[in-house]
């Protein structure tokens, strides 16, 4: 928007017209705001999700929101700054005693 546009808007309707918010005319969101809030709440819960595929499936089955996998990933990773809680496998040979000892040693340094 240029200075001339600002002045024209001000002359047309004064300060109220000048400060008026522009309504977007873009396409509607694939994942509505209410579904995004429900997803964010579920992501921050203890249960969470194991993968993006599980999030995609939860959105479509539980909330009835159909969106591309890529759209779901971008929403979760970039906008919500979250990720699925993926459990990492433990070695069968790992000793709990050695692990505790390592943690104590690590804290001292």
N, C-alpha and C. Protein backbone atom coordinates (compact mmCIF):
# COMPACT_ATOMS: atom_id res chain seq x y z
N UNK A 1 0.85 -1.17 0.00
CA UNK A 1 0.00 0.00 0.00
C UNK A 1 0.90 1.24 0.00
N UNK A 2 0.58 2.22 -0.82
CA UNK A 2 1.39 3.43 -0.93
C UNK A 2 0.83 4.53 -0.02
N UNK A 3 1.58 5.60 0.12
CA UNK A 3 1.16 6.74 0.93
C UNK A 3 -0.11 7.36 0.33
N UNK A 4 -0.18 7.40 -1.02
CA UNK A 4 -1.39 7.93 -1.67
C UNK A 4 -2.62 7.11 -1.30
N UNK A 5 -2.46 5.78 -1.24
CA UNK A 5 -3.58 4.91 -0.85
C UNK A 5 -4.01 5.21 0.58
N UNK A 6 -3.06 5.41 1.47
CA UNK A 6 -3.35 5.72 2.86
C UNK A 6 -4.13 7.04 2.97
N UNK A 7 -3.64 8.03 2.24
CA UNK A 7 -4.30 9.34 2.28
C UNK A 7 -5.72 9.26 1.71
N UNK A 8 -5.88 8.54 0.62
CA UNK A 8 -7.21 8.39 0.01
C UNK A 8 -8.16 7.69 0.98
N UNK A 9 -7.67 6.66 1.64
CA UNK A 9 -8.49 5.94 2.61
C UNK A 9 -8.88 6.86 3.77
N UNK A 10 -7.95 7.66 4.23
CA UNK A 10 -8.22 8.59 5.33
C UNK A 10 -9.24 9.65 4.92
N UNK A 11 -9.09 10.16 3.69
CA UNK A 11 -10.01 11.19 3.21
C UNK A 11 -11.42 10.62 3.02
N UNK A 12 -11.52 9.34 2.65
CA UNK A 12 -12.82 8.71 2.43
C UNK A 12 -13.62 8.54 3.73
N UNK A 13 -12.95 8.04 4.76
CA UNK A 13 -13.72 7.71 5.96
C UNK A 13 -13.08 8.10 7.27
N UNK A 14 -12.05 8.91 7.20
CA UNK A 14 -11.41 9.36 8.43
C UNK A 14 -10.56 8.26 9.06
N UNK A 15 -10.30 8.44 10.33
CA UNK A 15 -9.41 7.53 11.05
C UNK A 15 -9.99 6.12 11.14
N UNK A 16 -11.31 6.01 11.29
CA UNK A 16 -11.95 4.70 11.39
C UNK A 16 -11.72 3.88 10.12
N UNK A 17 -11.91 4.49 8.99
CA UNK A 17 -11.70 3.80 7.71
C UNK A 17 -10.23 3.44 7.52
N UNK A 18 -9.35 4.34 7.95
CA UNK A 18 -7.92 4.13 7.81
C UNK A 18 -7.44 2.94 8.65
N UNK A 19 -7.98 2.80 9.86
CA UNK A 19 -7.55 1.73 10.77
C UNK A 19 -8.31 0.42 10.60
N UNK A 20 -9.28 0.40 9.71
CA UNK A 20 -10.10 -0.78 9.46
C UNK A 20 -9.23 -1.93 8.94
N UNK A 21 -9.48 -3.14 9.48
CA UNK A 21 -8.73 -4.33 9.06
C UNK A 21 -9.25 -4.83 7.73
N UNK A 22 -8.34 -5.23 6.87
CA UNK A 22 -8.70 -5.77 5.57
C UNK A 22 -9.07 -7.24 5.73
N UNK A 23 -10.18 -7.64 5.14
CA UNK A 23 -10.62 -9.03 5.20
C UNK A 23 -9.95 -9.80 4.06
N UNK A 24 -9.30 -10.90 4.42
CA UNK A 24 -8.63 -11.71 3.41
C UNK A 24 -9.62 -12.40 2.50
N UNK A 25 -9.28 -12.50 1.25
CA UNK A 25 -10.16 -13.13 0.27
C UNK A 25 -9.57 -14.45 -0.21
N UNK A 26 -8.55 -14.93 0.49
CA UNK A 26 -7.89 -16.17 0.09
C UNK A 26 -8.76 -17.38 0.33
N UNK A 27 -8.24 -18.51 -0.06
CA UNK A 27 -8.99 -19.75 0.09
C UNK A 27 -9.08 -20.13 1.57
N UNK A 28 -10.09 -20.89 1.92
CA UNK A 28 -10.26 -21.31 3.32
C UNK A 28 -9.15 -22.28 3.74
N UNK A 29 -8.87 -22.33 5.01
CA UNK A 29 -7.82 -23.19 5.54
C UNK A 29 -8.21 -24.65 5.39
N UNK A 30 -7.24 -25.49 5.11
CA UNK A 30 -7.49 -26.93 5.01
C UNK A 30 -7.77 -27.52 6.38
N UNK A 31 -7.03 -27.03 7.39
CA UNK A 31 -7.24 -27.47 8.76
C UNK A 31 -7.80 -26.28 9.53
N UNK A 32 -9.09 -26.32 9.88
CA UNK A 32 -9.71 -25.18 10.56
C UNK A 32 -9.03 -24.86 11.89
N UNK A 33 -9.24 -23.66 12.36
CA UNK A 33 -8.60 -23.20 13.58
C UNK A 33 -9.00 -24.06 14.78
N UNK A 34 -10.26 -24.46 14.85
CA UNK A 34 -10.71 -25.30 15.97
C UNK A 34 -9.98 -26.63 16.00
N UNK A 35 -9.74 -27.20 14.81
CA UNK A 35 -9.03 -28.48 14.72
C UNK A 35 -7.55 -28.29 15.08
N UNK A 36 -6.99 -27.15 14.69
CA UNK A 36 -5.60 -26.85 15.01
C UNK A 36 -5.41 -26.74 16.52
N UNK A 37 -6.36 -26.10 17.19
CA UNK A 37 -6.29 -25.97 18.66
C UNK A 37 -6.42 -27.34 19.34
N UNK A 38 -7.32 -28.18 18.83
CA UNK A 38 -7.48 -29.53 19.39
C UNK A 38 -6.20 -30.35 19.18
N UNK A 39 -5.59 -30.20 18.02
CA UNK A 39 -4.34 -30.90 17.72
C UNK A 39 -3.22 -30.43 18.64
N UNK A 40 -3.13 -29.13 18.83
CA UNK A 40 -2.08 -28.58 19.69
C UNK A 40 -2.24 -29.10 21.13
N UNK A 41 -3.48 -29.16 21.59
CA UNK A 41 -3.75 -29.66 22.94
C UNK A 41 -3.33 -31.13 23.05
N UNK A 42 -3.66 -31.91 22.04
CA UNK A 42 -3.32 -33.34 22.05
C UNK A 42 -1.81 -33.55 21.94
N UNK A 43 -1.13 -32.71 21.18
CA UNK A 43 0.32 -32.83 21.04
C UNK A 43 1.03 -32.57 22.37
N UNK A 44 0.48 -31.67 23.18
CA UNK A 44 1.11 -31.32 24.45
C UNK A 44 0.66 -32.22 25.60
N UNK A 45 -0.24 -33.16 25.31
CA UNK A 45 -0.66 -34.09 26.36
C UNK A 45 0.39 -35.18 26.52
N UNK A 46 0.27 -35.96 27.57
CA UNK A 46 1.23 -37.03 27.82
C UNK A 46 1.18 -38.12 26.77
N UNK A 47 0.01 -38.38 26.23
CA UNK A 47 -0.15 -39.45 25.25
C UNK A 47 0.49 -39.07 23.91
N UNK A 48 0.11 -37.95 23.36
CA UNK A 48 0.67 -37.47 22.10
C UNK A 48 0.46 -38.42 20.93
N UNK A 49 1.37 -38.37 19.97
CA UNK A 49 1.32 -39.20 18.78
C UNK A 49 2.69 -39.84 18.56
N UNK A 50 2.70 -40.95 17.83
CA UNK A 50 3.97 -41.62 17.53
C UNK A 50 4.55 -41.21 16.19
N UNK A 51 3.72 -40.66 15.29
CA UNK A 51 4.21 -40.28 13.97
C UNK A 51 3.29 -39.24 13.34
N UNK A 52 3.76 -38.64 12.26
CA UNK A 52 2.93 -37.69 11.52
C UNK A 52 1.76 -38.43 10.87
N UNK A 53 1.99 -39.67 10.47
CA UNK A 53 0.91 -40.47 9.90
C UNK A 53 -0.21 -40.69 10.88
N UNK A 54 0.15 -40.88 12.14
CA UNK A 54 -0.85 -41.06 13.19
C UNK A 54 -1.64 -39.76 13.41
N UNK A 55 -0.96 -38.63 13.31
CA UNK A 55 -1.64 -37.33 13.42
C UNK A 55 -2.61 -37.16 12.26
N UNK A 56 -2.16 -37.47 11.06
CA UNK A 56 -2.99 -37.39 9.86
C UNK A 56 -4.24 -38.25 10.02
N UNK A 57 -4.05 -39.47 10.51
CA UNK A 57 -5.15 -40.40 10.70
C UNK A 57 -6.11 -39.89 11.77
N UNK A 58 -5.58 -39.36 12.87
CA UNK A 58 -6.42 -38.84 13.95
C UNK A 58 -7.28 -37.67 13.46
N UNK A 59 -6.68 -36.78 12.68
CA UNK A 59 -7.43 -35.64 12.14
C UNK A 59 -8.59 -36.11 11.28
N UNK A 60 -8.34 -37.08 10.40
CA UNK A 60 -9.39 -37.51 9.48
C UNK A 60 -10.44 -38.37 10.17
N UNK A 61 -10.04 -39.29 11.05
CA UNK A 61 -11.00 -40.20 11.66
C UNK A 61 -11.76 -39.56 12.83
N UNK A 62 -11.04 -38.88 13.71
CA UNK A 62 -11.68 -38.35 14.92
C UNK A 62 -12.33 -36.99 14.70
N UNK A 63 -11.68 -36.13 13.91
CA UNK A 63 -12.21 -34.78 13.72
C UNK A 63 -12.90 -34.57 12.38
N UNK A 64 -12.72 -35.50 11.46
CA UNK A 64 -13.33 -35.37 10.14
C UNK A 64 -12.67 -34.32 9.27
N UNK A 65 -11.41 -33.99 9.56
CA UNK A 65 -10.68 -32.99 8.79
C UNK A 65 -9.76 -33.71 7.80
N UNK A 66 -10.01 -33.50 6.52
CA UNK A 66 -9.19 -34.15 5.49
C UNK A 66 -8.19 -33.14 4.95
N UNK A 67 -6.92 -33.47 5.10
CA UNK A 67 -5.85 -32.61 4.61
C UNK A 67 -4.71 -33.49 4.11
N UNK A 68 -3.87 -32.95 3.27
CA UNK A 68 -2.72 -33.70 2.77
C UNK A 68 -1.74 -33.97 3.91
N UNK A 69 -0.99 -35.05 3.78
CA UNK A 69 0.04 -35.40 4.76
C UNK A 69 1.03 -34.25 4.91
N UNK A 70 1.41 -33.67 3.77
CA UNK A 70 2.38 -32.56 3.77
C UNK A 70 1.83 -31.35 4.54
N UNK A 71 0.55 -31.07 4.39
CA UNK A 71 -0.09 -29.96 5.10
C UNK A 71 -0.05 -30.21 6.60
N UNK A 72 -0.32 -31.44 7.01
CA UNK A 72 -0.29 -31.81 8.43
C UNK A 72 1.13 -31.64 8.97
N UNK A 73 2.11 -32.13 8.23
CA UNK A 73 3.50 -32.02 8.66
C UNK A 73 3.92 -30.56 8.81
N UNK A 74 3.59 -29.74 7.83
CA UNK A 74 3.97 -28.33 7.88
C UNK A 74 3.31 -27.62 9.05
N UNK A 75 2.05 -27.93 9.32
CA UNK A 75 1.35 -27.31 10.45
C UNK A 75 2.02 -27.68 11.76
N UNK A 76 2.25 -28.97 11.96
CA UNK A 76 2.82 -29.44 13.22
C UNK A 76 4.25 -28.97 13.40
N UNK A 77 5.08 -29.16 12.39
CA UNK A 77 6.51 -28.88 12.52
C UNK A 77 6.83 -27.39 12.49
N UNK A 78 6.29 -26.67 11.52
CA UNK A 78 6.67 -25.26 11.34
C UNK A 78 5.80 -24.28 12.14
N UNK A 79 4.48 -24.48 12.13
CA UNK A 79 3.62 -23.51 12.80
C UNK A 79 3.48 -23.78 14.29
N UNK A 80 3.21 -25.04 14.65
CA UNK A 80 3.04 -25.37 16.06
C UNK A 80 4.37 -25.64 16.77
N UNK A 81 5.44 -25.75 15.99
CA UNK A 81 6.78 -26.01 16.53
C UNK A 81 6.77 -27.23 17.45
N UNK A 82 6.14 -28.30 16.98
CA UNK A 82 6.05 -29.53 17.77
C UNK A 82 6.47 -30.70 16.90
N UNK A 83 6.56 -31.85 17.51
CA UNK A 83 6.85 -33.07 16.76
C UNK A 83 6.25 -34.25 17.51
N UNK A 84 6.00 -35.34 16.79
CA UNK A 84 5.47 -36.52 17.48
C UNK A 84 6.48 -37.02 18.51
N UNK A 85 5.97 -37.66 19.54
CA UNK A 85 6.84 -38.22 20.57
C UNK A 85 7.20 -39.63 20.14
N UNK A 86 8.38 -39.77 19.59
CA UNK A 86 8.82 -41.06 19.07
C UNK A 86 9.73 -41.71 20.11
N UNK A 87 9.33 -42.86 20.59
CA UNK A 87 10.15 -43.58 21.56
C UNK A 87 11.33 -44.21 20.84
N UNK A 88 12.49 -44.02 21.39
CA UNK A 88 13.70 -44.61 20.82
C UNK A 88 13.93 -45.98 21.44
N UNK A 89 14.36 -46.96 20.64
CA UNK A 89 14.56 -48.29 21.19
C UNK A 89 15.74 -48.33 22.16
N UNK A 90 15.62 -49.16 23.17
CA UNK A 90 16.70 -49.36 24.15
C UNK A 90 17.44 -50.62 23.79
N UNK A 91 18.72 -50.62 24.04
CA UNK A 91 19.52 -51.81 23.82
C UNK A 91 19.20 -52.84 24.89
N UNK A 92 19.12 -54.10 24.51
CA UNK A 92 18.86 -55.17 25.46
C UNK A 92 20.06 -55.38 26.38
N UNK A 93 21.22 -54.97 25.91
CA UNK A 93 22.45 -55.15 26.68
C UNK A 93 22.70 -54.00 27.65
N UNK A 94 21.89 -52.98 27.61
CA UNK A 94 22.09 -51.80 28.45
C UNK A 94 21.84 -52.13 29.92
N UNK A 95 22.78 -51.75 30.76
CA UNK A 95 22.65 -51.99 32.19
C UNK A 95 22.10 -50.75 32.87
N UNK A 96 21.05 -50.93 33.69
CA UNK A 96 20.45 -49.81 34.41
C UNK A 96 21.46 -49.20 35.40
N UNK A 97 22.28 -50.03 36.02
CA UNK A 97 23.27 -49.55 36.99
C UNK A 97 24.30 -48.66 36.31
N UNK A 98 24.79 -49.09 35.17
CA UNK A 98 25.78 -48.30 34.43
C UNK A 98 25.17 -47.00 33.93
N UNK A 99 23.90 -47.04 33.53
CA UNK A 99 23.22 -45.85 33.07
C UNK A 99 23.09 -44.82 34.19
N UNK A 100 22.68 -45.27 35.37
CA UNK A 100 22.57 -44.37 36.52
C UNK A 100 23.93 -43.79 36.90
N UNK A 101 24.94 -44.63 36.86
CA UNK A 101 26.31 -44.18 37.17
C UNK A 101 26.74 -43.11 36.17
N UNK A 102 26.43 -43.33 34.89
CA UNK A 102 26.79 -42.35 33.85
C UNK A 102 26.07 -41.03 34.08
N UNK A 103 24.78 -41.10 34.45
CA UNK A 103 24.03 -39.86 34.69
C UNK A 103 24.61 -39.08 35.85
N UNK A 104 25.01 -39.77 36.91
CA UNK A 104 25.60 -39.09 38.08
C UNK A 104 26.93 -38.45 37.71
N UNK A 105 27.73 -39.16 36.94
CA UNK A 105 29.03 -38.63 36.49
C UNK A 105 28.84 -37.43 35.58
N UNK A 106 27.84 -37.52 34.72
CA UNK A 106 27.57 -36.44 33.76
C UNK A 106 27.15 -35.17 34.48
N UNK A 107 26.37 -35.29 35.54
CA UNK A 107 25.89 -34.13 36.27
C UNK A 107 27.03 -33.40 37.00
N UNK A 108 28.08 -34.11 37.40
CA UNK A 108 29.19 -33.52 38.13
C UNK A 108 30.05 -32.62 37.24
N UNK A 109 30.14 -32.93 35.98
CA UNK A 109 31.00 -32.15 35.08
C UNK A 109 30.35 -30.92 34.57
